[in-house]
């Protein structure tokens, strides 16, 4: 059973054998990805089962994934009985971080060594980026670390 799932993930292009950390999917995430791709007809690059469920789609497919007036998002949220978030992948780490933190905006996003630094002047935006008990910034770091070799994300 596990070999079948692994073979399925490799054939679908979800797993790559490179120097990055290998991403492992359990059966629930595979079900989410399969249902998303079937209903929305957009290829999913990654799926993270946090609250909300986060789907990362390939570059330039975010509009099709969301649908007109958010119809696809609403349909999926009612099927999963959970909130979902759809992100657009970008091969540049700084643009990808901007996509992850959207709709919040960092005044400047830069990279120093293996650390991404988000400069925010507005205290409200800074609080929303960090979140209660740093939960939001931990989730952002987890998502970015799955695709890029970074050590940490700091909000200044």
C-alpha atoms as a PDB file:
ATOM      1  CA  UNK A   1       0.000   0.000   0.000  1.00  0.00           C
ATOM      2  CA  UNK A   2       2.749   2.472   0.946  1.00  0.00           C
ATOM      3  CA  UNK A   3       4.734   1.601  -2.184  1.00  0.00           C
ATOM      4  CA  UNK A   4       1.647   2.274  -4.311  1.00  0.00           C
ATOM      5  CA  UNK A   5       1.142   5.680  -2.719  1.00  0.00           C
ATOM      6  CA  UNK A   6       4.821   6.555  -3.161  1.00  0.00           C
ATOM      7  CA  UNK A   7       4.731   5.454  -6.815  1.00  0.00           C
ATOM      8  CA  UNK A   8       1.570   7.519  -7.338  1.00  0.00           C
ATOM      9  CA  UNK A   9       3.219  10.609  -5.830  1.00  0.00           C
ATOM     10  CA  UNK A  10       6.352  10.226  -7.961  1.00  0.00           C
ATOM     11  CA  UNK A  11       4.335   9.720 -11.169  1.00  0.00           C
ATOM     12  CA  UNK A  12       2.174  12.760 -10.378  1.00  0.00           C
ATOM     13  CA  UNK A  13       5.304  14.867  -9.914  1.00  0.00           C
ATOM     14  CA  UNK A  14       4.618  15.625  -6.267  1.00  0.00           C
ATOM     15  CA  UNK A  15       7.868  14.097  -5.043  1.00  0.00           C
ATOM     16  CA  UNK A  16      11.261  14.946  -6.436  1.00  0.00           C
ATOM     17  CA  UNK A  17      14.538  13.296  -5.638  1.00  0.00           C
ATOM     18  CA  UNK A  18      16.847  16.229  -5.041  1.00  0.00           C
ATOM     19  CA  UNK A  19      18.897  17.548  -2.166  1.00  0.00           C
ATOM     20  CA  UNK A  20      15.868  19.200  -0.532  1.00  0.00           C
ATOM     21  CA  UNK A  21      14.034  17.601   2.355  1.00  0.00           C
ATOM     22  CA  UNK A  22      11.704  14.950   1.087  1.00  0.00           C
ATOM     23  CA  UNK A  23       8.052  15.781   1.467  1.00  0.00           C
ATOM     24  CA  UNK A  24       5.887  12.970   2.771  1.00  0.00           C
ATOM     25  CA  UNK A  25       2.141  12.783   2.302  1.00  0.00           C
ATOM     26  CA  UNK A  26      -0.289  10.725   4.309  1.00  0.00           C
ATOM     27  CA  UNK A  27      -3.460   9.297   2.824  1.00  0.00           C
ATOM     28  CA  UNK A  28      -5.614  12.287   3.900  1.00  0.00           C
ATOM     29  CA  UNK A  29      -3.395  14.797   2.103  1.00  0.00           C
ATOM     30  CA  UNK A  30      -3.411  12.635  -1.019  1.00  0.00           C
ATOM     31  CA  UNK A  31      -7.225  12.633  -0.875  1.00  0.00           C
ATOM     32  CA  UNK A  32      -7.249  16.448  -0.522  1.00  0.00           C
ATOM     33  CA  UNK A  33      -4.903  16.846  -3.492  1.00  0.00           C
ATOM     34  CA  UNK A  34      -6.845  14.417  -5.649  1.00  0.00           C
ATOM     35  CA  UNK A  35     -10.182  16.066  -4.904  1.00  0.00           C
ATOM     36  CA  UNK A  36      -8.723  19.545  -5.468  1.00  0.00           C
ATOM     37  CA  UNK A  37      -7.229  18.589  -8.831  1.00  0.00           C
ATOM     38  CA  UNK A  38     -10.407  16.833  -9.941  1.00  0.00           C
ATOM     39  CA  UNK A  39     -12.749  19.710  -9.100  1.00  0.00           C
ATOM     40  CA  UNK A  40     -10.547  22.672  -9.952  1.00  0.00           C
ATOM     41  CA  UNK A  41      -8.529  21.127 -12.826  1.00  0.00           C
ATOM     42  CA  UNK A  42      -5.307  22.726 -11.645  1.00  0.00           C
ATOM     43  CA  UNK A  43      -2.147  20.807 -10.732  1.00  0.00           C
ATOM     44  CA  UNK A  44      -1.171  21.063  -7.079  1.00  0.00           C
ATOM     45  CA  UNK A  45       2.502  21.460  -6.252  1.00  0.00           C
ATOM     46  CA  UNK A  46       2.075  20.886  -2.508  1.00  0.00           C
ATOM     47  CA  UNK A  47      -0.538  20.581   0.215  1.00  0.00           C
ATOM     48  CA  UNK A  48      -0.047  21.284   3.913  1.00  0.00           C
ATOM     49  CA  UNK A  49      -2.635  20.112   6.435  1.00  0.00           C
ATOM     50  CA  UNK A  50      -2.623  23.060   8.806  1.00  0.00           C
ATOM     51  CA  UNK A  51      -5.504  25.254   9.793  1.00  0.00           C
ATOM     52  CA  UNK A  52      -6.466  26.299   7.088  1.00  0.00           C
ATOM     53  CA  UNK A  53      -5.556  23.568   4.584  1.00  0.00           C
ATOM     54  CA  UNK A  54      -2.956  25.170   2.327  1.00  0.00           C
ATOM     55  CA  UNK A  55      -2.699  24.266  -1.346  1.00  0.00           C
ATOM     56  CA  UNK A  56       0.261  25.499  -3.377  1.00  0.00           C
ATOM     57  CA  UNK A  57      -0.424  25.646  -7.102  1.00  0.00           C
ATOM     58  CA  UNK A  58       1.999  26.133  -9.942  1.00  0.00           C
ATOM     59  CA  UNK A  59       2.924  29.577 -11.170  1.00  0.00           C
ATOM     60  CA  UNK A  60       0.240  31.511 -13.117  1.00  0.00           C
ATOM     61  CA  UNK A  61      -2.575  29.116 -12.142  1.00  0.00           C
ATOM     62  CA  UNK A  62      -3.844  30.919  -9.029  1.00  0.00           C
ATOM     63  CA  UNK A  63      -6.745  32.617 -10.849  1.00  0.00           C
ATOM     64  CA  UNK A  64      -8.054  29.353 -12.243  1.00  0.00           C
ATOM     65  CA  UNK A  65      -7.628  27.679  -8.850  1.00  0.00           C
ATOM     66  CA  UNK A  66      -9.653  30.326  -7.009  1.00  0.00           C
ATOM     67  CA  UNK A  67     -12.325  30.542  -9.698  1.00  0.00           C
ATOM     68  CA  UNK A  68     -14.656  33.344 -10.645  1.00  0.00           C
ATOM     69  CA  UNK A  69     -15.808  35.145  -7.492  1.00  0.00           C
ATOM     70  CA  UNK A  70     -14.054  32.466  -5.403  1.00  0.00           C
ATOM     71  CA  UNK A  71     -16.503  29.761  -6.440  1.00  0.00           C
ATOM     72  CA  UNK A  72     -13.892  26.965  -6.305  1.00  0.00           C
ATOM     73  CA  UNK A  73     -12.717  28.009  -2.840  1.00  0.00           C
ATOM     74  CA  UNK A  74     -16.273  28.084  -1.509  1.00  0.00           C
ATOM     75  CA  UNK A  75     -17.055  24.685  -3.036  1.00  0.00           C
ATOM     76  CA  UNK A  76     -13.920  23.084  -1.553  1.00  0.00           C
ATOM     77  CA  UNK A  77     -14.463  24.663   1.873  1.00  0.00           C
ATOM     78  CA  UNK A  78     -17.971  23.215   2.029  1.00  0.00           C
ATOM     79  CA  UNK A  79     -16.716  19.771   0.937  1.00  0.00           C
ATOM     80  CA  UNK A  80     -13.804  19.700   3.403  1.00  0.00           C
ATOM     81  CA  UNK A  81     -15.760  21.452   6.174  1.00  0.00           C
ATOM     82  CA  UNK A  82     -12.595  23.498   6.767  1.00  0.00           C
ATOM     83  CA  UNK A  83     -11.100  26.752   5.556  1.00  0.00           C
ATOM     84  CA  UNK A  84      -8.607  26.507   2.717  1.00  0.00           C
ATOM     85  CA  UNK A  85      -5.853  28.798   1.482  1.00  0.00           C
ATOM     86  CA  UNK A  86      -4.467  28.705  -2.047  1.00  0.00           C
ATOM     87  CA  UNK A  87      -0.946  29.999  -2.705  1.00  0.00           C
ATOM     88  CA  UNK A  88       0.935  30.524  -5.941  1.00  0.00           C
ATOM     89  CA  UNK A  89       4.404  28.994  -6.130  1.00  0.00           C
ATOM     90  CA  UNK A  90       7.283  31.137  -7.323  1.00  0.00           C
ATOM     91  CA  UNK A  91      10.834  29.857  -7.892  1.00  0.00           C
ATOM     92  CA  UNK A  92      12.262  33.003  -6.249  1.00  0.00           C
ATOM     93  CA  UNK A  93      12.215  32.686  -2.470  1.00  0.00           C
ATOM     94  CA  UNK A  94      11.436  36.357  -1.757  1.00  0.00           C
ATOM     95  CA  UNK A  95       8.431  36.445  -4.090  1.00  0.00           C
ATOM     96  CA  UNK A  96       7.213  33.138  -2.674  1.00  0.00           C
ATOM     97  CA  UNK A  97       7.373  34.583   0.867  1.00  0.00           C
ATOM     98  CA  UNK A  98       5.321  37.568  -0.334  1.00  0.00           C
ATOM     99  CA  UNK A  99       2.768  35.136  -1.769  1.00  0.00           C
ATOM    100  CA  UNK A 100       2.593  33.210   1.513  1.00  0.00           C
ATOM    101  CA  UNK A 101       2.037  36.295   3.692  1.00  0.00           C
ATOM    102  CA  UNK A 102      -0.501  37.859   1.295  1.00  0.00           C
ATOM    103  CA  UNK A 103      -2.835  39.823   1.945  1.00  0.00           C
ATOM    104  CA  UNK A 104      -0.427  41.318   4.484  1.00  0.00           C
ATOM    105  CA  UNK A 105       2.367  43.319   2.961  1.00  0.00           C
ATOM    106  CA  UNK A 106       5.911  43.622   4.163  1.00  0.00           C
ATOM    107  CA  UNK A 107       7.528  46.982   3.464  1.00  0.00           C
ATOM    108  CA  UNK A 108      10.655  45.117   2.409  1.00  0.00           C
ATOM    109  CA  UNK A 109      11.429  41.411   2.099  1.00  0.00           C
ATOM    110  CA  UNK A 110      15.120  40.541   1.915  1.00  0.00           C
ATOM    111  CA  UNK A 111      17.391  37.561   2.355  1.00  0.00           C
ATOM    112  CA  UNK A 112      20.569  37.578   4.420  1.00  0.00           C
ATOM    113  CA  UNK A 113      22.563  34.344   4.458  1.00  0.00           C
ATOM    114  CA  UNK A 114      19.854  31.679   4.856  1.00  0.00           C
ATOM    115  CA  UNK A 115      17.433  33.923   6.744  1.00  0.00           C
ATOM    116  CA  UNK A 116      14.503  35.757   5.171  1.00  0.00           C
ATOM    117  CA  UNK A 117      13.828  39.126   6.821  1.00  0.00           C
ATOM    118  CA  UNK A 118      10.456  40.850   6.548  1.00  0.00           C
ATOM    119  CA  UNK A 119      10.516  44.547   7.486  1.00  0.00           C
ATOM    120  CA  UNK A 120       7.135  45.885   8.621  1.00  0.00           C
ATOM    121  CA  UNK A 121       6.547  49.404   9.950  1.00  0.00           C
ATOM    122  CA  UNK A 122       2.868  48.981  10.827  1.00  0.00           C
ATOM    123  CA  UNK A 123       2.417  47.339  14.259  1.00  0.00           C
ATOM    124  CA  UNK A 124      -0.933  45.803  13.306  1.00  0.00           C
ATOM    125  CA  UNK A 125       0.551  44.054  10.275  1.00  0.00           C
ATOM    126  CA  UNK A 126       3.519  42.922  12.342  1.00  0.00           C
ATOM    127  CA  UNK A 127       1.205  41.413  14.964  1.00  0.00           C
ATOM    128  CA  UNK A 128      -0.830  39.609  12.300  1.00  0.00           C
ATOM    129  CA  UNK A 129       2.333  38.274  10.643  1.00  0.00           C
ATOM    130  CA  UNK A 130       3.676  36.880  13.897  1.00  0.00           C
ATOM    131  CA  UNK A 131       0.363  35.696  15.356  1.00  0.00           C
ATOM    132  CA  UNK A 132      -0.532  34.521  18.841  1.00  0.00           C
ATOM    133  CA  UNK A 133       2.308  32.445  20.291  1.00  0.00           C
ATOM    134  CA  UNK A 134       4.172  32.994  16.964  1.00  0.00           C
ATOM    135  CA  UNK A 135       1.882  30.504  15.240  1.00  0.00           C
ATOM    136  CA  UNK A 136       1.530  32.425  11.953  1.00  0.00           C
ATOM    137  CA  UNK A 137       5.262  32.939  11.453  1.00  0.00           C
ATOM    138  CA  UNK A 138       5.916  29.277  12.338  1.00  0.00           C
ATOM    139  CA  UNK A 139       3.411  28.166   9.680  1.00  0.00           C
ATOM    140  CA  UNK A 140       4.968  30.542   7.139  1.00  0.00           C
ATOM    141  CA  UNK A 141       8.447  29.213   7.925  1.00  0.00           C
ATOM    142  CA  UNK A 142       7.248  25.617   7.629  1.00  0.00           C
ATOM    143  CA  UNK A 143       5.718  26.271   4.199  1.00  0.00           C
ATOM    144  CA  UNK A 144       8.779  28.067   2.838  1.00  0.00           C
ATOM    145  CA  UNK A 145      11.227  25.488   4.243  1.00  0.00           C
ATOM    146  CA  UNK A 146       9.441  22.739   2.299  1.00  0.00           C
ATOM    147  CA  UNK A 147      10.497  24.350  -0.987  1.00  0.00           C
ATOM    148  CA  UNK A 148      13.626  26.388  -0.274  1.00  0.00           C
ATOM    149  CA  UNK A 149      16.757  25.923   1.787  1.00  0.00           C
ATOM    150  CA  UNK A 150      16.336  28.602   4.436  1.00  0.00           C
ATOM    151  CA  UNK A 151      17.006  28.552   8.175  1.00  0.00           C
ATOM    152  CA  UNK A 152      14.460  31.026   9.507  1.00  0.00           C
ATOM    153  CA  UNK A 153      12.069  33.879   8.759  1.00  0.00           C
ATOM    154  CA  UNK A 154      12.282  36.978  10.951  1.00  0.00           C
ATOM    155  CA  UNK A 155       9.845  39.868  11.199  1.00  0.00           C
ATOM    156  CA  UNK A 156      11.405  43.221  12.071  1.00  0.00           C
END
